[in-house]
Protein backbone atom coordinates (compact mmCIF):
# COMPACT_ATOMS: atom_id res chain seq x y z
CA MET A 1 7.29 11.12 -9.50
CA SER A 2 5.31 13.52 -7.35
CA GLU A 3 2.10 11.47 -7.40
CA ALA A 4 3.90 8.50 -5.85
CA GLU A 5 5.57 10.62 -3.16
CA HIS A 6 2.71 12.96 -2.27
CA GLY A 7 -0.38 11.72 -4.08
CA SER A 8 -2.66 8.75 -4.30
CA LEU A 9 -0.20 6.22 -5.73
CA TYR A 10 1.08 3.69 -3.18
CA VAL A 11 4.13 2.20 -4.88
CA GLY A 12 7.48 0.91 -3.71
CA SER A 13 8.75 -1.59 -1.21
CA PRO A 14 6.33 -3.15 1.28
CA GLU A 15 7.83 -0.86 3.94
CA THR A 16 7.25 2.25 1.82
CA VAL A 17 3.67 1.29 1.04
CA ALA A 18 2.92 0.38 4.67
CA ARG A 19 4.29 3.69 5.94
CA LYS A 20 2.20 5.65 3.45
CA ILE A 21 -0.98 3.72 4.25
CA ALA A 22 -0.45 4.18 8.01
CA LYS A 23 0.29 7.89 7.58
CA THR A 24 -2.85 8.37 5.48
CA ALA A 25 -5.02 6.35 7.85
CA LYS A 26 -3.82 8.34 10.86
CA ALA A 27 -4.23 11.68 9.09
CA LEU A 28 -7.78 10.88 7.99
CA GLY A 29 -8.78 8.97 11.12
CA ILE A 30 -9.89 5.96 9.08
CA SER A 31 -9.91 2.32 10.09
CA ARG A 32 -10.32 0.80 6.61
CA PHE A 33 -8.22 1.16 3.50
CA GLN A 34 -9.09 -0.16 0.06
CA LEU A 35 -6.39 -0.67 -2.55
CA LYS A 36 -6.43 -1.25 -6.29
CA TYR A 37 -3.58 -3.63 -7.00
CA SER A 38 -2.53 -2.35 -10.41
CA ALA A 39 -3.00 0.52 -12.78
CA GLY A 40 -2.37 -0.26 -16.40
CA PRO A 41 -0.93 -3.39 -17.95
CA LEU A 42 0.79 -5.70 -15.52
CA PRO A 43 1.68 -9.33 -16.18
CA HIS A 44 -0.42 -11.77 -14.14
CA GLU A 45 2.62 -13.08 -12.24
CA LYS A 46 3.55 -9.57 -11.07
CA LEU A 47 -0.01 -8.80 -10.09
CA MET A 48 -0.17 -11.96 -8.00
CA ARG A 49 3.18 -11.09 -6.38
CA SER A 50 1.85 -7.62 -5.50
CA ILE A 51 -1.22 -9.13 -3.87
CA GLU A 52 0.94 -11.60 -1.96
CA LEU A 53 3.28 -8.88 -0.68
CA TYR A 54 0.31 -6.76 0.36
CA GLY A 55 -1.24 -9.56 2.39
CA ARG A 56 1.91 -11.04 3.88
CA LYS A 57 4.01 -7.96 4.50
CA VAL A 58 2.17 -4.66 4.07
CA VAL A 59 -0.99 -5.42 6.07
CA PRO A 60 0.87 -6.75 9.14
CA MET A 61 3.22 -3.75 9.09
CA VAL A 62 0.31 -1.30 8.87
CA ARG A 63 -1.45 -3.04 11.76
CA GLU A 64 1.72 -2.74 13.84
CA MET A 65 2.20 0.93 12.92
CA MET A 66 -1.40 1.71 13.81
CA GLY A 67 -0.99 0.09 17.22
């Protein structure tokens, strides 16, 4: 899936998503990043899990990567 690897989709493990966000933020010189948590149908439980992983794992990793 080329869009996930090289495009605007940020999917995968928290580590994968964090690395991609940090890489994009550094390349663009941005200090804020806004994310849409789902595209298409996603059961509520999975959506909530995605939001939880983003807040508890992805955000701290991105902050660490950005120094």
